[in-house]
C-alpha cells in the first residue's frame, strides 16, 4: 500500500517496522515474557511501520 505514496515511504515504512519489531522484542525479552528461542509475530510491527510512514509521510 505504501507504493502508492512514494519509494521513500516504502523504505521508511520497512525501516520503521524493523525498528519497532526490535524494540518490541527487546521489551518482551527484558520483561521475561519470551525466551531467546520463542517465535514472535513480525506482521503487526510491519503494519505499525506502514501506518507510521503514512502519518509521517503525509499520505
PDB file of N, CA and C in Angstrom:
ATOM      1  N   UNK A   1       0.820  -1.192   0.000  1.00  0.00           N
ATOM      2  CA  UNK A   1       0.000   0.000   0.000  1.00  0.00           C
ATOM      3  C   UNK A   1       0.867   1.260   0.000  1.00  0.00           C
ATOM      4  N   UNK A   2       2.073   1.165   0.530  1.00  0.00           N
ATOM      5  CA  UNK A   2       2.930   2.345   0.568  1.00  0.00           C
ATOM      6  C   UNK A   2       3.463   2.694  -0.815  1.00  0.00           C
ATOM      7  N   UNK A   3       3.426   1.775  -1.745  1.00  0.00           N
ATOM      8  CA  UNK A   3       3.883   2.040  -3.096  1.00  0.00           C
ATOM      9  C   UNK A   3       3.082   3.128  -3.790  1.00  0.00           C
ATOM     10  N   UNK A   4       1.852   3.351  -3.352  1.00  0.00           N
ATOM     11  CA  UNK A   4       1.035   4.416  -3.922  1.00  0.00           C
ATOM     12  C   UNK A   4       1.542   5.784  -3.504  1.00  0.00           C
ATOM     13  N   UNK A   5       2.227   5.857  -2.385  1.00  0.00           N
ATOM     14  CA  UNK A   5       2.721   7.155  -1.919  1.00  0.00           C
ATOM     15  C   UNK A   5       4.031   7.508  -2.606  1.00  0.00           C
ATOM     16  N   UNK A   6       5.087   6.798  -2.288  1.00  0.00           N
ATOM     17  CA  UNK A   6       6.393   7.031  -2.910  1.00  0.00           C
ATOM     18  C   UNK A   6       7.359   5.953  -2.425  1.00  0.00           C
ATOM     19  N   UNK A   7       8.488   5.842  -3.115  1.00  0.00           N
ATOM     20  CA  UNK A   7       9.505   4.880  -2.698  1.00  0.00           C
ATOM     21  C   UNK A   7      10.112   5.238  -1.354  1.00  0.00           C
ATOM     22  N   UNK A   8      10.352   6.516  -1.050  1.00  0.00           N
ATOM     23  CA  UNK A   8      10.855   6.814   0.291  1.00  0.00           C
ATOM     24  C   UNK A   8       9.889   6.390   1.401  1.00  0.00           C
ATOM     25  N   UNK A   9       8.598   6.430   1.125  1.00  0.00           N
ATOM     26  CA  UNK A   9       7.626   5.961   2.118  1.00  0.00           C
ATOM     27  C   UNK A   9       7.748   4.456   2.333  1.00  0.00           C
ATOM     28  N   UNK A  10       7.997   3.723   1.259  1.00  0.00           N
ATOM     29  CA  UNK A  10       8.180   2.267   1.372  1.00  0.00           C
ATOM     30  C   UNK A  10       9.406   1.957   2.220  1.00  0.00           C
ATOM     31  N   UNK A  11      10.510   2.644   1.916  1.00  0.00           N
ATOM     32  CA  UNK A  11      11.748   2.410   2.664  1.00  0.00           C
ATOM     33  C   UNK A  11      11.571   2.795   4.120  1.00  0.00           C
ATOM     34  N   UNK A  12      10.953   3.951   4.370  1.00  0.00           N
ATOM     35  CA  UNK A  12      10.729   4.389   5.752  1.00  0.00           C
ATOM     36  C   UNK A  12       9.811   3.424   6.496  1.00  0.00           C
ATOM     37  N   UNK A  13       8.765   2.948   5.836  1.00  0.00           N
ATOM     38  CA  UNK A  13       7.841   2.007   6.478  1.00  0.00           C
ATOM     39  C   UNK A  13       8.511   0.698   6.846  1.00  0.00           C
ATOM     40  N   UNK A  14       9.363   0.176   5.964  1.00  0.00           N
ATOM     41  CA  UNK A  14      10.076  -1.062   6.271  1.00  0.00           C
ATOM     42  C   UNK A  14      11.076  -0.854   7.401  1.00  0.00           C
ATOM     43  N   UNK A  15      11.800   0.253   7.339  1.00  0.00           N
ATOM     44  CA  UNK A  15      12.772   0.537   8.391  1.00  0.00           C
ATOM     45  C   UNK A  15      12.082   0.737   9.738  1.00  0.00           C
ATOM     46  N   UNK A  16      10.976   1.479   9.738  1.00  0.00           N
ATOM     47  CA  UNK A  16      10.237   1.703  10.985  1.00  0.00           C
ATOM     48  C   UNK A  16       9.695   0.392  11.533  1.00  0.00           C
ATOM     49  N   UNK A  17       9.230  -0.504  10.655  1.00  0.00           N
ATOM     50  CA  UNK A  17       8.738  -1.804  11.097  1.00  0.00           C
ATOM     51  C   UNK A  17       9.832  -2.645  11.730  1.00  0.00           C
ATOM     52  N   UNK A  18      11.035  -2.596  11.142  1.00  0.00           N
ATOM     53  CA  UNK A  18      12.152  -3.351  11.721  1.00  0.00           C
ATOM     54  C   UNK A  18      12.562  -2.779  13.071  1.00  0.00           C
ATOM     55  N   UNK A  19      12.593  -1.461  13.185  1.00  0.00           N
ATOM     56  CA  UNK A  19      12.967  -0.835  14.451  1.00  0.00           C
ATOM     57  C   UNK A  19      11.912  -1.136  15.518  1.00  0.00           C
ATOM     58  N   UNK A  20      10.641  -1.005  15.161  1.00  0.00           N
ATOM     59  CA  UNK A  20       9.579  -1.307  16.124  1.00  0.00           C
ATOM     60  C   UNK A  20       9.614  -2.776  16.549  1.00  0.00           C
ATOM     61  N   UNK A  21       9.887  -3.669  15.607  1.00  0.00           N
ATOM     62  CA  UNK A  21       9.997  -5.090  15.940  1.00  0.00           C
ATOM     63  C   UNK A  21      11.153  -5.363  16.886  1.00  0.00           C
ATOM     64  N   UNK A  22      12.284  -4.706  16.657  1.00  0.00           N
ATOM     65  CA  UNK A  22      13.432  -4.878  17.549  1.00  0.00           C
ATOM     66  C   UNK A  22      13.172  -4.350  18.938  1.00  0.00           C
ATOM     67  N   UNK A  23      12.548  -3.180  19.005  1.00  0.00           N
ATOM     68  CA  UNK A  23      12.228  -2.598  20.315  1.00  0.00           C
ATOM     69  C   UNK A  23      11.207  -3.474  21.047  1.00  0.00           C
ATOM     70  N   UNK A  24      10.213  -3.952  20.314  1.00  0.00           N
ATOM     71  CA  UNK A  24       9.209  -4.828  20.932  1.00  0.00           C
ATOM     72  C   UNK A  24       9.810  -6.138  21.419  1.00  0.00           C
ATOM     73  N   UNK A  25      10.687  -6.728  20.616  1.00  0.00           N
ATOM     74  CA  UNK A  25      11.333  -7.979  21.022  1.00  0.00           C
ATOM     75  C   UNK A  25      12.217  -7.750  22.238  1.00  0.00           C
ATOM     76  N   UNK A  26      12.957  -6.650  22.244  1.00  0.00           N
ATOM     77  CA  UNK A  26      13.811  -6.355  23.389  1.00  0.00           C
ATOM     78  C   UNK A  26      12.981  -6.148  24.654  1.00  0.00           C
ATOM     79  N   UNK A  27      11.858  -5.455  24.522  1.00  0.00           N
ATOM     80  CA  UNK A  27      10.994  -5.227  25.688  1.00  0.00           C
ATOM     81  C   UNK A  27      10.432  -6.544  26.221  1.00  0.00           C
ATOM     82  N   UNK A  28      10.023  -7.433  25.327  1.00  0.00           N
ATOM     83  CA  UNK A  28       9.500  -8.729  25.770  1.00  0.00           C
ATOM     84  C   UNK A  28      10.592  -9.591  26.402  1.00  0.00           C
ATOM     85  N   UNK A  29      11.804  -9.516  25.860  1.00  0.00           N
ATOM     86  CA  UNK A  29      12.916 -10.260  26.466  1.00  0.00           C
ATOM     87  C   UNK A  29      13.271  -9.697  27.833  1.00  0.00           C
ATOM     88  N   UNK A  30      13.282  -8.378  27.962  1.00  0.00           N
ATOM     89  CA  UNK A  30      13.622  -7.748  29.236  1.00  0.00           C
ATOM     90  C   UNK A  30      12.578  -8.051  30.302  1.00  0.00           C
ATOM     91  N   UNK A  31      11.326  -8.148  29.889  1.00  0.00           N
ATOM     92  CA  UNK A  31      10.249  -8.456  30.834  1.00  0.00           C
ATOM     93  C   UNK A  31      10.130  -9.953  31.103  1.00  0.00           C
ATOM     94  N   UNK A  32      10.974 -10.741  30.436  1.00  0.00           N
ATOM     95  CA  UNK A  32      10.977 -12.201  30.564  1.00  0.00           C
ATOM     96  C   UNK A  32       9.627 -12.829  30.202  1.00  0.00           C
ATOM     97  N   UNK A  33       8.961 -12.217  29.208  1.00  0.00           N
ATOM     98  CA  UNK A  33       7.714 -12.787  28.699  1.00  0.00           C
ATOM     99  C   UNK A  33       7.994 -13.821  27.608  1.00  0.00           C
ATOM    100  N   UNK A  34       9.146 -13.693  26.957  1.00  0.00           N
ATOM    101  CA  UNK A  34       9.562 -14.644  25.926  1.00  0.00           C
ATOM    102  C   UNK A  34      11.017 -15.004  26.174  1.00  0.00           C
ATOM    103  N   UNK A  35      11.442 -16.095  25.547  1.00  0.00           N
ATOM    104  CA  UNK A  35      12.835 -16.517  25.630  1.00  0.00           C
ATOM    105  C   UNK A  35      13.518 -16.329  24.285  1.00  0.00           C
ATOM    106  N   UNK A  36      14.809 -16.652  24.241  1.00  0.00           N
ATOM    107  CA  UNK A  36      15.594 -16.466  23.024  1.00  0.00           C
ATOM    108  C   UNK A  36      15.122 -17.354  21.885  1.00  0.00           C
ATOM    109  N   UNK A  37      14.511 -18.484  22.179  1.00  0.00           N
ATOM    110  CA  UNK A  37      14.125 -19.429  21.139  1.00  0.00           C
ATOM    111  C   UNK A  37      12.641 -19.378  20.808  1.00  0.00           C
ATOM    112  N   UNK A  38      11.920 -18.397  21.339  1.00  0.00           N
ATOM    113  CA  UNK A  38      10.500 -18.250  21.034  1.00  0.00           C
ATOM    114  C   UNK A  38      10.321 -17.503  19.712  1.00  0.00           C
ATOM    115  N   UNK A  39       9.196 -17.724  19.073  1.00  0.00           N
ATOM    116  CA  UNK A  39       8.868 -17.062  17.819  1.00  0.00           C
ATOM    117  C   UNK A  39       7.989 -15.849  18.111  1.00  0.00           C
ATOM    118  N   UNK A  40       8.255 -14.752  17.405  1.00  0.00           N
ATOM    119  CA  UNK A  40       7.441 -13.549  17.552  1.00  0.00           C
ATOM    120  C   UNK A  40       6.813 -13.211  16.208  1.00  0.00           C
ATOM    121  N   UNK A  41       5.583 -12.744  16.250  1.00  0.00           N
ATOM    122  CA  UNK A  41       4.906 -12.319  15.027  1.00  0.00           C
ATOM    123  C   UNK A  41       5.512 -10.993  14.557  1.00  0.00           C
ATOM    124  N   UNK A  42       5.876 -10.927  13.290  1.00  0.00           N
ATOM    125  CA  UNK A  42       6.526  -9.739  12.742  1.00  0.00           C
ATOM    126  C   UNK A  42       5.534  -8.846  11.998  1.00  0.00           C
ATOM    127  N   UNK A  43       4.402  -9.406  11.583  1.00  0.00           N
ATOM    128  CA  UNK A  43       3.402  -8.669  10.815  1.00  0.00           C
ATOM    129  C   UNK A  43       2.851  -7.433  11.507  1.00  0.00           C
ATOM    130  N   UNK A  44       2.477  -7.529  12.785  1.00  0.00           N
ATOM    131  CA  UNK A  44       1.951  -6.332  13.448  1.00  0.00           C
ATOM    132  C   UNK A  44       2.949  -5.176  13.486  1.00  0.00           C
ATOM    133  N   UNK A  45       4.228  -5.487  13.598  1.00  0.00           N
ATOM    134  CA  UNK A  45       5.240  -4.433  13.610  1.00  0.00           C
ATOM    135  C   UNK A  45       5.382  -3.801  12.226  1.00  0.00           C
ATOM    136  N   UNK A  46       5.261  -4.610  11.173  1.00  0.00           N
ATOM    137  CA  UNK A  46       5.313  -4.067   9.818  1.00  0.00           C
ATOM    138  C   UNK A  46       4.093  -3.189   9.538  1.00  0.00           C
ATOM    139  N   UNK A  47       2.931  -3.606  10.033  1.00  0.00           N
ATOM    140  CA  UNK A  47       1.740  -2.778   9.870  1.00  0.00           C
ATOM    141  C   UNK A  47       1.871  -1.462  10.615  1.00  0.00           C
ATOM    142  N   UNK A  48       2.428  -1.502  11.811  1.00  0.00           N
ATOM    143  CA  UNK A  48       2.648  -0.266  12.570  1.00  0.00           C
ATOM    144  C   UNK A  48       3.646   0.643  11.864  1.00  0.00           C
ATOM    145  N   UNK A  49       4.676   0.060  11.262  1.00  0.00           N
ATOM    146  CA  UNK A  49       5.642   0.852  10.497  1.00  0.00           C
ATOM    147  C   UNK A  49       5.001   1.487   9.274  1.00  0.00           C
ATOM    148  N   UNK A  50       4.126   0.747   8.593  1.00  0.00           N
ATOM    149  CA  UNK A  50       3.422   1.296   7.438  1.00  0.00           C
ATOM    150  C   UNK A  50       2.498   2.431   7.857  1.00  0.00           C
ATOM    151  N   UNK A  51       1.800   2.257   8.963  1.00  0.00           N
ATOM    152  CA  UNK A  51       0.926   3.327   9.457  1.00  0.00           C
ATOM    153  C   UNK A  51       1.744   4.559   9.820  1.00  0.00           C
ATOM    154  N   UNK A  52       2.872   4.343  10.450  1.00  0.00           N
ATOM    155  CA  UNK A  52       3.739   5.466  10.801  1.00  0.00           C
ATOM    156  C   UNK A  52       4.241   6.168   9.545  1.00  0.00           C
ATOM    157  N   UNK A  53       4.573   5.428   8.509  1.00  0.00           N
ATOM    158  CA  UNK A  53       5.034   6.032   7.263  1.00  0.00           C
ATOM    159  C   UNK A  53       3.937   6.853   6.602  1.00  0.00           C
ATOM    160  N   UNK A  54       2.699   6.367   6.673  1.00  0.00           N
ATOM    161  CA  UNK A  54       1.579   7.122   6.106  1.00  0.00           C
ATOM    162  C   UNK A  54       1.346   8.410   6.882  1.00  0.00           C
ATOM    163  N   UNK A  55       1.416   8.322   8.212  1.00  0.00           N
ATOM    164  CA  UNK A  55       1.151   9.505   9.029  1.00  0.00           C
ATOM    165  C   UNK A  55       2.276  10.533   8.929  1.00  0.00           C
ATOM    166  N   UNK A  56       3.515  10.063   8.923  1.00  0.00           N
ATOM    167  CA  UNK A  56       4.662  10.975   8.875  1.00  0.00           C
ATOM    168  C   UNK A  56       4.887  11.464   7.439  1.00  0.00           C
ATOM    169  N   UNK A  57       4.689  10.567   6.481  1.00  0.00           N
ATOM    170  CA  UNK A  57       4.956  10.901   5.096  1.00  0.00           C
ATOM    171  C   UNK A  57       3.914  11.787   4.453  1.00  0.00           C
ATOM    172  N   UNK A  58       2.843  12.083   5.137  1.00  0.00           N
ATOM    173  CA  UNK A  58       1.816  12.944   4.590  1.00  0.00           C
ATOM    174  C   UNK A  58       0.933  12.270   3.559  1.00  0.00           C
ATOM    175  N   UNK A  59       0.701  10.942   3.749  1.00  0.00           N
ATOM    176  CA  UNK A  59      -0.066  10.152   2.811  1.00  0.00           C
ATOM    177  C   UNK A  59      -1.371  10.732   2.476  1.00  0.00           C
TER     178      UNK A  59
END
